[in-house]
Every structure is written in structure tokens, then in C-alpha cells.
Protein backbone atom coordinates (compact mmCIF):
# COMPACT_ATOMS: atom_id res chain seq x y z
CA MET A 1 29.49 28.26 18.84
CA LEU A 2 26.74 30.83 18.47
CA VAL A 3 24.07 28.40 18.01
CA ILE A 4 25.18 26.54 21.27
CA GLY A 5 25.56 29.81 23.15
CA ASN A 6 21.88 30.59 22.00
CA MET A 7 20.73 27.38 23.50
CA VAL A 8 19.73 28.44 27.10
CA CYS A 9 17.81 26.58 29.47
CA ASP A 10 15.00 28.63 31.64
CA ASN A 11 12.72 27.51 34.64
CA SER A 12 9.30 27.25 32.25
CA ASN A 13 9.56 23.81 31.13
CA PRO A 14 11.59 20.97 32.91
CA GLU A 15 11.06 18.52 30.08
CA THR A 16 12.25 21.03 27.30
CA ASN A 17 15.15 22.06 29.48
CA LYS A 18 16.45 18.70 29.51
CA ILE A 19 16.07 18.05 25.64
CA ILE A 20 17.82 21.73 24.94
CA ALA A 21 20.80 20.80 27.59
CA SER A 22 21.06 17.04 25.96
CA GLU A 23 21.17 18.68 22.40
CA ARG A 24 23.91 21.11 23.67
CA ASP A 25 26.01 18.61 25.03
CA ASP A 26 25.63 16.83 21.61
CA LEU A 27 26.62 19.89 19.73
CA ASP A 28 29.48 20.66 22.30
CA GLY A 29 30.94 16.90 21.64
CA ILE A 30 30.67 17.56 17.86
CA LEU A 31 32.67 21.02 18.00
CA HIS A 32 35.22 19.29 20.21
CA LEU A 33 35.49 16.56 17.78
CA ILE A 34 35.94 18.93 14.87
CA ASP A 35 38.60 20.59 16.81
CA ALA A 36 40.54 17.35 17.25
CA LEU A 37 40.19 16.55 13.57
CA GLN A 38 41.73 19.80 12.68
CA ASP A 39 44.52 19.67 15.07
CA TYR A 40 45.32 15.93 13.65
CA ALA A 41 45.18 17.12 10.08
CA VAL A 42 47.85 19.96 10.77
CA ASP A 43 50.16 18.24 13.46
CA VAL A 44 49.94 14.60 12.26
CA VAL A 45 49.08 14.30 8.78
CA GLY A 46 50.73 17.53 7.63
CA ILE A 47 48.06 19.37 5.59
CA PRO A 48 49.01 22.96 5.46
CA ASP A 49 47.13 24.70 8.43
CA MET A 50 45.78 27.30 5.78
CA HIS A 51 43.55 24.55 4.24
CA VAL A 52 42.35 23.48 7.79
CA TYR A 53 42.08 26.71 10.05
CA ASP A 54 39.75 29.55 8.84
CA PHE A 55 42.11 32.57 9.51
CA GLU A 56 40.01 35.40 8.10
CA LYS A 57 36.31 36.44 8.73
CA GLU A 58 34.29 35.27 5.62
CA GLU A 59 33.25 38.61 4.96
CA GLU A 60 36.74 40.06 4.85
CA ARG A 61 38.02 36.73 2.68
CA ASP A 62 35.55 37.61 0.15
CA ALA A 63 35.99 41.38 0.21
CA SER A 64 36.04 43.23 -2.96
CA THR A 65 37.67 46.34 -1.61
CA PRO A 66 40.04 48.34 -3.68
CA GLU A 67 42.65 47.13 -0.94
CA GLU A 68 41.77 43.41 -1.26
CA LYS A 69 41.87 43.51 -5.21
CA PHE A 70 45.10 45.41 -4.95
CA ALA A 71 46.60 42.86 -2.94
CA ARG A 72 45.70 39.91 -4.99
CA GLU A 73 46.73 41.24 -8.20
CA ASN A 74 50.22 42.32 -7.06
CA ALA A 75 50.31 38.74 -5.26
CA ASP A 76 49.99 36.96 -8.57
CA THR A 77 52.56 39.32 -10.00
CA ILE A 78 55.25 39.43 -7.45
CA PHE A 79 55.07 35.62 -7.37
CA GLN A 80 55.46 35.49 -11.01
CA MET A 81 58.47 37.99 -10.94
CA HIS A 82 60.40 35.96 -8.35
CA ILE A 83 59.69 32.42 -10.01
CA GLU A 84 60.98 34.00 -13.38
CA GLY A 85 64.00 35.57 -11.86
CA THR A 86 67.59 33.60 -11.18
CA GLY A 87 67.63 34.61 -7.49
CA LEU A 88 65.27 32.04 -6.29
CA TYR A 89 67.44 29.33 -7.92
CA GLU A 90 70.58 30.57 -6.33
CA ASN A 91 70.14 29.41 -2.60
CA GLU A 92 72.85 26.87 -1.78
CA ASP A 93 70.77 24.98 0.67
CA LEU A 94 67.77 24.42 -1.78
CA PRO A 95 68.16 22.16 -4.68
CA GLU A 96 66.61 23.90 -8.07
CA GLU A 97 64.78 20.45 -8.70
CA PHE A 98 63.11 20.83 -5.39
CA ILE A 99 62.07 24.61 -5.83
CA LYS A 100 60.55 23.77 -8.95
CA THR A 101 58.33 20.98 -7.86
CA ILE A 102 56.88 23.29 -5.22
CA ILE A 103 56.22 26.66 -7.37
CA ASP A 104 54.83 24.16 -10.39
CA ASP A 105 52.23 22.81 -7.87
CA GLY A 106 49.14 24.49 -7.99
CA MET A 107 48.36 24.14 -4.57
CA HIS A 108 51.93 25.19 -3.23
CA ALA A 109 51.46 28.23 -5.77
CA SER A 110 48.23 29.07 -4.25
CA LEU A 111 49.20 29.06 -0.70
CA ILE A 112 52.37 31.22 -1.36
CA LYS A 113 50.41 33.80 -3.41
CA ASN A 114 47.79 33.81 -0.55
CA LEU A 115 50.79 34.51 2.23
CA ILE A 116 52.04 37.41 -0.26
CA ARG A 117 48.45 38.94 -0.26
CA ARG A 118 48.07 38.55 3.45
CA ASP A 119 51.30 40.35 4.09
CA ILE A 120 50.54 43.26 1.78
CA LEU A 121 47.05 43.79 3.68
CA ASN A 122 48.40 43.37 7.20
CA ASP A 123 50.90 46.29 6.20
CA PHE A 124 48.55 48.31 4.60
CA ARG A 125 46.21 48.27 7.61
CA VAL A 126 49.26 48.97 9.89
CA ASN A 127 50.75 51.89 7.54
CA PRO A 128 48.72 52.79 4.50
CA ASP A 129 50.75 55.89 3.86
CA ASN A 130 53.73 53.54 3.00
CA PHE A 131 52.02 52.36 -0.55
CA GLU A 132 52.36 54.44 -3.46
CA ARG A 133 49.10 55.71 -5.40
CA ASP A 134 48.86 57.29 -8.74
CA SER A 135 47.43 60.54 -9.73
CA ASN A 136 43.86 59.42 -9.17
CA GLY A 137 44.43 58.24 -5.69
CA ASN A 138 44.36 54.33 -6.96
CA LEU A 139 47.27 52.12 -5.21
CA THR A 140 49.68 51.28 -7.42
CA TYR A 141 52.79 48.79 -7.53
CA ASP A 142 56.43 50.28 -6.35
CA ALA A 143 59.44 48.58 -6.33
CA SER A 144 59.69 48.22 -2.76
CA MET A 145 56.92 45.83 -2.86
CA TYR A 146 59.31 43.09 -4.69
CA ASP A 147 60.51 42.10 -1.32
CA TYR A 148 57.19 40.60 -0.32
CA GLY A 149 58.06 37.60 -2.90
CA PHE A 150 60.59 36.38 -0.85
CA ALA A 151 57.88 34.51 0.76
CA VAL A 152 58.53 32.01 -2.07
CA GLU A 153 61.95 31.46 -0.87
CA GLU A 154 60.76 31.09 2.71
CA TYR A 155 57.93 28.69 1.83
CA CYS A 156 60.27 26.41 -0.14
CA ARG A 157 62.75 26.57 2.44
CA GLU A 158 60.26 25.38 5.18
CA LYS A 159 58.95 22.59 3.04
CA TYR A 160 62.52 21.27 2.09
CA TYR A 161 63.44 21.36 6.01
CA GLU A 162 59.96 20.21 7.15
CA GLY A 163 60.23 17.34 9.43
CA LYS A 164 64.04 17.46 9.55
CA THR A 165 65.27 18.26 13.21
CA GLN A 166 68.72 18.61 15.08
CA ASP A 167 69.40 17.60 18.61
CA LEU A 168 70.51 20.24 20.61
CA TRP A 169 70.59 20.70 24.47
CA LEU A 170 68.44 23.61 25.60
CA CYS A 171 68.01 25.54 28.82
CA PRO A 172 64.86 24.23 30.77
CA ASN A 173 63.79 27.75 32.01
CA CYS A 174 64.33 29.76 28.79
CA ALA A 175 64.66 27.52 25.74
CA SER A 176 68.14 28.86 24.80
CA ASP A 177 70.73 26.66 23.45
CA ASN A 178 73.73 28.96 24.99
CA VAL A 179 73.98 26.55 27.67
CA GLU A 180 77.17 24.92 29.62
CA THR A 181 77.76 21.79 31.48
CA LYS A 182 80.46 20.74 33.78
CA HIS A 183 83.19 18.11 32.80
CA TRP A 184 86.20 16.66 34.43
CA VAL A 185 89.34 17.72 32.64
CA ASN A 186 92.46 15.85 32.60
CA ALA A 187 95.05 18.03 34.68
CA ASN A 188 97.92 17.22 32.59
CA THR A 189 96.62 17.27 29.03
CA GLY A 190 93.71 19.45 29.37
CA VAL A 191 91.48 16.75 27.42
CA LYS A 192 87.94 17.10 28.53
CA GLY A 193 86.61 13.91 29.98
CA THR A 194 83.18 12.63 31.30
CA ASP A 195 80.28 14.69 32.52
CA CYS A 196 80.56 15.72 36.60
CA GLU A 197 78.33 13.55 38.56
CA GLU A 198 74.92 15.54 39.69
CA ASP A 199 75.52 17.95 36.91
CA ASP A 200 72.81 20.60 36.84
CA GLY A 201 73.82 22.82 33.80
CA TYR A 202 73.84 26.61 33.37
CA CYS A 203 72.43 28.75 30.90
CA ALA A 204 74.24 31.97 29.93
CA THR A 205 71.07 33.62 28.48
CA CYS A 206 69.07 33.63 31.38
CA GLY A 207 71.48 32.64 34.19
CA GLN A 208 69.64 30.09 35.41
CA HIS A 209 70.78 26.68 36.74
CA GLY A 210 69.00 23.53 35.70
CA GLU A 211 69.27 20.03 34.22
CA LEU A 212 69.58 20.65 30.52
CA ILE A 213 67.11 19.00 28.18
CA LEU A 214 67.91 17.19 24.74
CA SER A 215 65.39 18.61 22.35
CA LYS A 216 64.70 18.20 18.77
CA VAL A 217 64.77 21.40 17.09
CA LYS A 218 63.77 22.24 13.32
CA TYR A 219 66.79 21.94 11.17
CA LYS A 220 68.36 25.25 10.29
CA ALA A 221 66.26 26.87 12.93
CA LYS A 222 68.27 29.66 15.03
CA VAL A 223 67.62 31.90 17.85
CA ILE A 224 66.15 35.05 16.52
CA GLY A 225 65.41 36.81 19.70
CA PHE A 226 63.99 37.11 23.09
CA GLN A 227 60.61 38.17 24.86
CA ILE A 228 59.44 38.51 28.58
CA ARG A 229 56.84 36.15 29.87
CA GLY A 230 55.29 35.93 33.43
CA THR A 231 55.95 32.95 35.62
CA GLY A 232 53.71 34.07 38.80
CA HIS A 233 50.27 32.78 39.47
CA ASP A 234 48.79 36.13 38.31
CA VAL A 235 50.63 36.56 35.38
CA MET A 236 51.57 32.92 34.08
CA ASP A 237 52.66 33.13 30.40
CA GLU A 238 51.48 36.74 30.15
CA LEU A 239 53.43 39.10 27.75
CA HIS A 240 55.36 41.57 29.53
CA SER A 241 54.04 45.04 29.29
CA GLY A 242 57.48 46.13 28.00
CA ILE A 243 57.19 44.15 24.96
CA GLN A 244 54.67 46.17 22.69
CA ASP A 245 53.38 43.22 20.88
CA GLU A 246 53.35 39.41 20.31
CA SER A 247 55.10 39.47 17.42
CA CYS A 248 57.85 41.84 18.91
CA VAL A 249 61.32 40.36 19.31
CA HIS A 250 64.06 41.97 21.06
CA SER A 251 67.77 41.36 21.80
CA LEU A 252 69.09 39.93 25.04
CA SER A 253 70.24 43.34 26.28
CA GLN A 254 67.29 44.94 25.54
CA VAL A 255 65.01 42.43 27.40
CA ARG A 256 67.48 42.39 30.35
CA GLU A 257 66.88 46.12 30.56
CA ILE A 258 63.24 46.01 30.50
CA MET A 259 63.22 43.06 33.30
CA LYS A 260 65.27 45.33 35.67
CA GLY A 261 63.26 46.09 38.82
CA TYR A 262 60.60 43.27 38.01
CA HIS A 263 59.96 39.67 39.64
CA GLY A 264 58.05 37.00 38.72
CA TRP A 265 58.94 37.39 34.97
CA LYS A 266 61.45 35.24 32.63
CA ILE A 267 63.33 35.41 29.52
CA VAL A 268 61.74 33.43 26.69
CA THR A 269 64.06 32.48 23.56
CA ILE A 270 62.33 32.88 20.36
CA TRP A 271 63.38 30.55 17.62
CA THR A 272 63.09 30.80 13.73
CA GLY A 273 58.98 29.65 13.03
CA ASP A 274 58.02 30.58 16.72
CA ILE A 275 56.45 33.93 15.20
CA ARG A 276 54.93 33.95 12.01
CA LYS A 277 56.19 37.35 10.83
CA PRO A 278 58.21 38.77 13.71
CA ILE A 279 59.15 42.37 14.49
CA ILE A 280 62.73 42.71 14.89
CA MET A 281 63.28 45.32 17.50
CA TYR A 282 67.24 45.46 17.38
CA LYS A 283 69.86 45.69 15.03
CA GLY A 284 72.65 43.01 14.79
CA ASP A 285 73.20 40.05 16.79
CA PRO A 286 70.13 38.79 18.93
CA ARG A 287 72.48 37.70 21.72
CA ASP A 288 73.90 41.29 22.15
């Protein structure tokens, strides 16, 4: 993109400008082709996005700073601690045999370690004072860092349920599954009958009516909270200023309180996996 951006035409030579414009179009086409191939590799073929997209600047990825070295070394250590413990194999929904096929595979092990490394670095950038240091001021491991290793379980669970879905009726406005529909009920027996004609459905989350949408949702996915997004022309899909960050997830009562007095905004339901590392801004049930 930098090369394309530097290919600027001027009024000095029409023929040269024509060649530059043609070459710029060719390079732009190649760039779009690469983007399409990357999307196909991740969305269709199923190649892990970490192998396809460059999430970090090269100078940051290859950095040899004390923090980077600390994160890499501890990612290896924490990974090893988790796979050698017994807790990893006590997941009722994950067969032990499947877990072993993941952690014994070099590619998967490398991806998990990199997830742990990035989580350590990200947390260090946000709050470096949370990390222990020795008497010489060097970063050192402490027991709380063991929790980074739960990325192993999360990764195994994601792979186990990858491609598996469940059918749920969702609200067309906020994507919540807390929806209702009308039925005829036998007046004498109370038995629910067929759907009412011209039923429009109702969502108890956002309070809107609409035709419910039968959607395929990732198996085991659940609602983890809510955000507020714009619906008007000027704020379409924009995050509401009352939500501090794209990763912040609030309870239903919190977003309703934030929305008071505002128009042109809507509640958006956040499901498991919608946000890589969500920041939970509430305690208890997200629907409270």
C-alpha cells in the first residue's frame, strides 16, 4: 500500500502519467487478490488466522526487549505447566484423547504459546505495575500468571466445537436469544398449539418487535453481555461513548442505564467468541 500511495501522477508528462496509473491499478488489483485469498484461507479453508494475517508490526514481533523475552519464556513455561497438570483433562465436554492430539501437535502448541505470550504483553502494556520484579528490577514469574495458561483449555474447546452449530431463534434487532413468539393455546387443556398467523415475535432484551430469525450459532456459545451501537446515519454502528472500549461488555441493566435519554442507538448482544478477550464490566448474570 505504501508503494501504491507513492505512485502519484502529475501534469508534467501525460504518457508517464498513463503508465503510472496503469501500474497503480495493476498493483491495486494484486492487493485486492491477496486480501481475498487471505479471507478465503481463514473463512473457507479453516487455516488459523494467526498464520494468515499479520497482527503485529514486524519490529514488534521480532523485538528482543526484556518484556518480549519475559513473555516468550513464560509462555513456554506456563504452557508446559498446564499440559502436565491434571486439571486440563478433567473437562467433561472435552475428551482427553482429543486434548492430547491438540497439545502434541507442534502447530497447535505454537499457536497456544503465542496466545499466552500476546496476553502477557498486552496486560503488561496496560498495567506494568501488576507484574512482579526481583531485587534487581527484572520481571519475574508469580503464581497469578498461571491463569494465562487457561488459554490451553479455551483453544482446545474452540477446536473441538469448531464448525459445530446449534439452531436458535434470534432477535432481528439485537441478536439476543431471549425472544418470545405467539401461539394458539387450547382453552381447556392449556396445551400450546400452532404459531399465530402474522406473528412478529418479541425480544425481552431490547423490547423490540420483529420477525424472529432462525440462526446457526456456534455450539456451546452463550450470551456474555451487551454493548450499544449507533443506528442513525451519522452514528451507524459506532460504539456509544458510554462504552469505554471495543472490548468492554456490560450487563443488560448497565446498557439500559447508559442509553437513557439517547436516541439513535441500539443494544447489541455479545456472544462467546465475538470479542477475542472481552473485558467484563459487571458481576453475576449478564441479563440482570
